[in-house]
Amino acid sequence: MQVVLDAGVAIYIAMSVALVVWLGVFVYLLRIDAEAKELKRLVLAARLQSPTLSSEVQVEYRTPSAN
């Protein structure tokens, strides 16, 4: 246990832990990116299959009825 508490070794342990954390963040972001690309591919495929789906919005103005 005394070896871990040595200042020269402790800095390498701290850097190793930080490296592992950053690698975990990087892998997590890569997975999110891959899932986002897959979702985009699915949305584009669905849009090509069904031409009625569009990103255009039609707005209807309605007047309140007197009931």
C-alpha atoms as a PDB file:
ATOM      1  CA  MET A   1       0.000   0.000   0.000  1.00  0.00           C
ATOM      2  CA  GLN A   2       2.954   2.282   0.621  1.00  0.00           C
ATOM      3  CA  VAL A   3       3.911   2.070  -3.084  1.00  0.00           C
ATOM      4  CA  VAL A   4       0.531   3.507  -4.155  1.00  0.00           C
ATOM      5  CA  LEU A   5       0.887   6.434  -1.765  1.00  0.00           C
ATOM      6  CA  ASP A   6       4.268   7.395  -3.210  1.00  0.00           C
ATOM      7  CA  ALA A   7       3.929  10.708  -5.084  1.00  0.00           C
ATOM      8  CA  GLY A   8       5.693   9.412  -8.176  1.00  0.00           C
ATOM      9  CA  VAL A   9       3.334   6.442  -8.524  1.00  0.00           C
ATOM     10  CA  ALA A  10       0.151   8.221  -7.429  1.00  0.00           C
ATOM     11  CA  ILE A  11       0.327  10.661 -10.352  1.00  0.00           C
ATOM     12  CA  TYR A  12       0.501   7.746 -12.816  1.00  0.00           C
ATOM     13  CA  ILE A  13      -2.482   6.090 -11.157  1.00  0.00           C
ATOM     14  CA  ALA A  14      -4.461   9.329 -11.328  1.00  0.00           C
ATOM     15  CA  MET A  15      -3.549   9.807 -15.004  1.00  0.00           C
ATOM     16  CA  SER A  16      -4.524   6.206 -15.748  1.00  0.00           C
ATOM     17  CA  VAL A  17      -7.911   6.666 -14.122  1.00  0.00           C
ATOM     18  CA  ALA A  18      -8.466   9.905 -16.049  1.00  0.00           C
ATOM     19  CA  LEU A  19      -7.486   8.167 -19.289  1.00  0.00           C
ATOM     20  CA  VAL A  20      -9.964   5.355 -18.663  1.00  0.00           C
ATOM     21  CA  VAL A  21     -12.723   7.883 -17.958  1.00  0.00           C
ATOM     22  CA  TRP A  22     -11.984   9.829 -21.158  1.00  0.00           C
ATOM     23  CA  LEU A  23     -11.901   6.607 -23.185  1.00  0.00           C
ATOM     24  CA  GLY A  24     -15.297   5.703 -21.735  1.00  0.00           C
ATOM     25  CA  VAL A  25     -16.712   9.098 -22.733  1.00  0.00           C
ATOM     26  CA  PHE A  26     -15.277   8.717 -26.232  1.00  0.00           C
ATOM     27  CA  VAL A  27     -16.776   5.236 -26.708  1.00  0.00           C
ATOM     28  CA  TYR A  28     -20.127   6.453 -25.360  1.00  0.00           C
ATOM     29  CA  LEU A  29     -20.173   9.347 -27.841  1.00  0.00           C
ATOM     30  CA  LEU A  30     -19.282   6.998 -30.707  1.00  0.00           C
ATOM     31  CA  ARG A  31     -22.217   4.756 -29.792  1.00  0.00           C
ATOM     32  CA  ILE A  32     -24.603   7.725 -29.648  1.00  0.00           C
ATOM     33  CA  ASP A  33     -23.341   8.885 -33.039  1.00  0.00           C
ATOM     34  CA  ALA A  34     -23.884   5.442 -34.568  1.00  0.00           C
ATOM     35  CA  GLU A  35     -27.422   5.276 -33.169  1.00  0.00           C
ATOM     36  CA  ALA A  36     -28.200   8.767 -34.476  1.00  0.00           C
ATOM     37  CA  LYS A  37     -26.970   7.798 -37.942  1.00  0.00           C
ATOM     38  CA  GLU A  38     -29.144   4.670 -37.847  1.00  0.00           C
ATOM     39  CA  LEU A  39     -32.204   6.709 -36.825  1.00  0.00           C
ATOM     40  CA  LYS A  40     -31.521   9.198 -39.601  1.00  0.00           C
ATOM     41  CA  ARG A  41     -31.239   6.348 -42.103  1.00  0.00           C
ATOM     42  CA  LEU A  42     -34.555   4.898 -40.918  1.00  0.00           C
ATOM     43  CA  VAL A  43     -36.323   8.253 -41.131  1.00  0.00           C
ATOM     44  CA  LEU A  44     -35.027   8.883 -44.637  1.00  0.00           C
ATOM     45  CA  ALA A  45     -36.038   5.387 -45.750  1.00  0.00           C
ATOM     46  CA  ALA A  46     -39.530   5.859 -44.325  1.00  0.00           C
ATOM     47  CA  ARG A  47     -39.818   9.232 -46.018  1.00  0.00           C
ATOM     48  CA  LEU A  48     -38.826   7.730 -49.376  1.00  0.00           C
ATOM     49  CA  GLN A  49     -41.311   4.869 -49.013  1.00  0.00           C
ATOM     50  CA  SER A  50     -44.214   7.100 -48.044  1.00  0.00           C
ATOM     51  CA  PRO A  51     -44.249  10.297 -50.092  1.00  0.00           C
ATOM     52  CA  THR A  52     -47.201  11.619 -48.077  1.00  0.00           C
ATOM     53  CA  LEU A  53     -44.890  12.183 -45.142  1.00  0.00           C
ATOM     54  CA  SER A  54     -43.227  15.524 -45.486  1.00  0.00           C
ATOM     55  CA  SER A  55     -41.712  18.145 -43.316  1.00  0.00           C
ATOM     56  CA  GLU A  56     -44.167  20.768 -44.540  1.00  0.00           C
ATOM     57  CA  VAL A  57     -46.806  22.005 -42.147  1.00  0.00           C
ATOM     58  CA  GLN A  58     -50.195  23.294 -43.171  1.00  0.00           C
ATOM     59  CA  VAL A  59     -51.824  25.796 -40.873  1.00  0.00           C
ATOM     60  CA  GLU A  60     -55.601  26.125 -40.778  1.00  0.00           C
ATOM     61  CA  TYR A  61     -57.148  29.196 -39.281  1.00  0.00           C
ATOM     62  CA  ARG A  62     -60.490  28.473 -37.655  1.00  0.00           C
ATOM     63  CA  THR A  63     -62.987  30.910 -36.324  1.00  0.00           C
ATOM     64  CA  PRO A  64     -64.750  30.000 -33.111  1.00  0.00           C
ATOM     65  CA  SER A  65     -68.267  28.709 -33.691  1.00  0.00           C
ATOM     66  CA  ALA A  66     -71.175  30.375 -31.920  1.00  0.00           C
ATOM     67  CA  ASN A  67     -72.914  27.502 -30.108  1.00  0.00           C
END
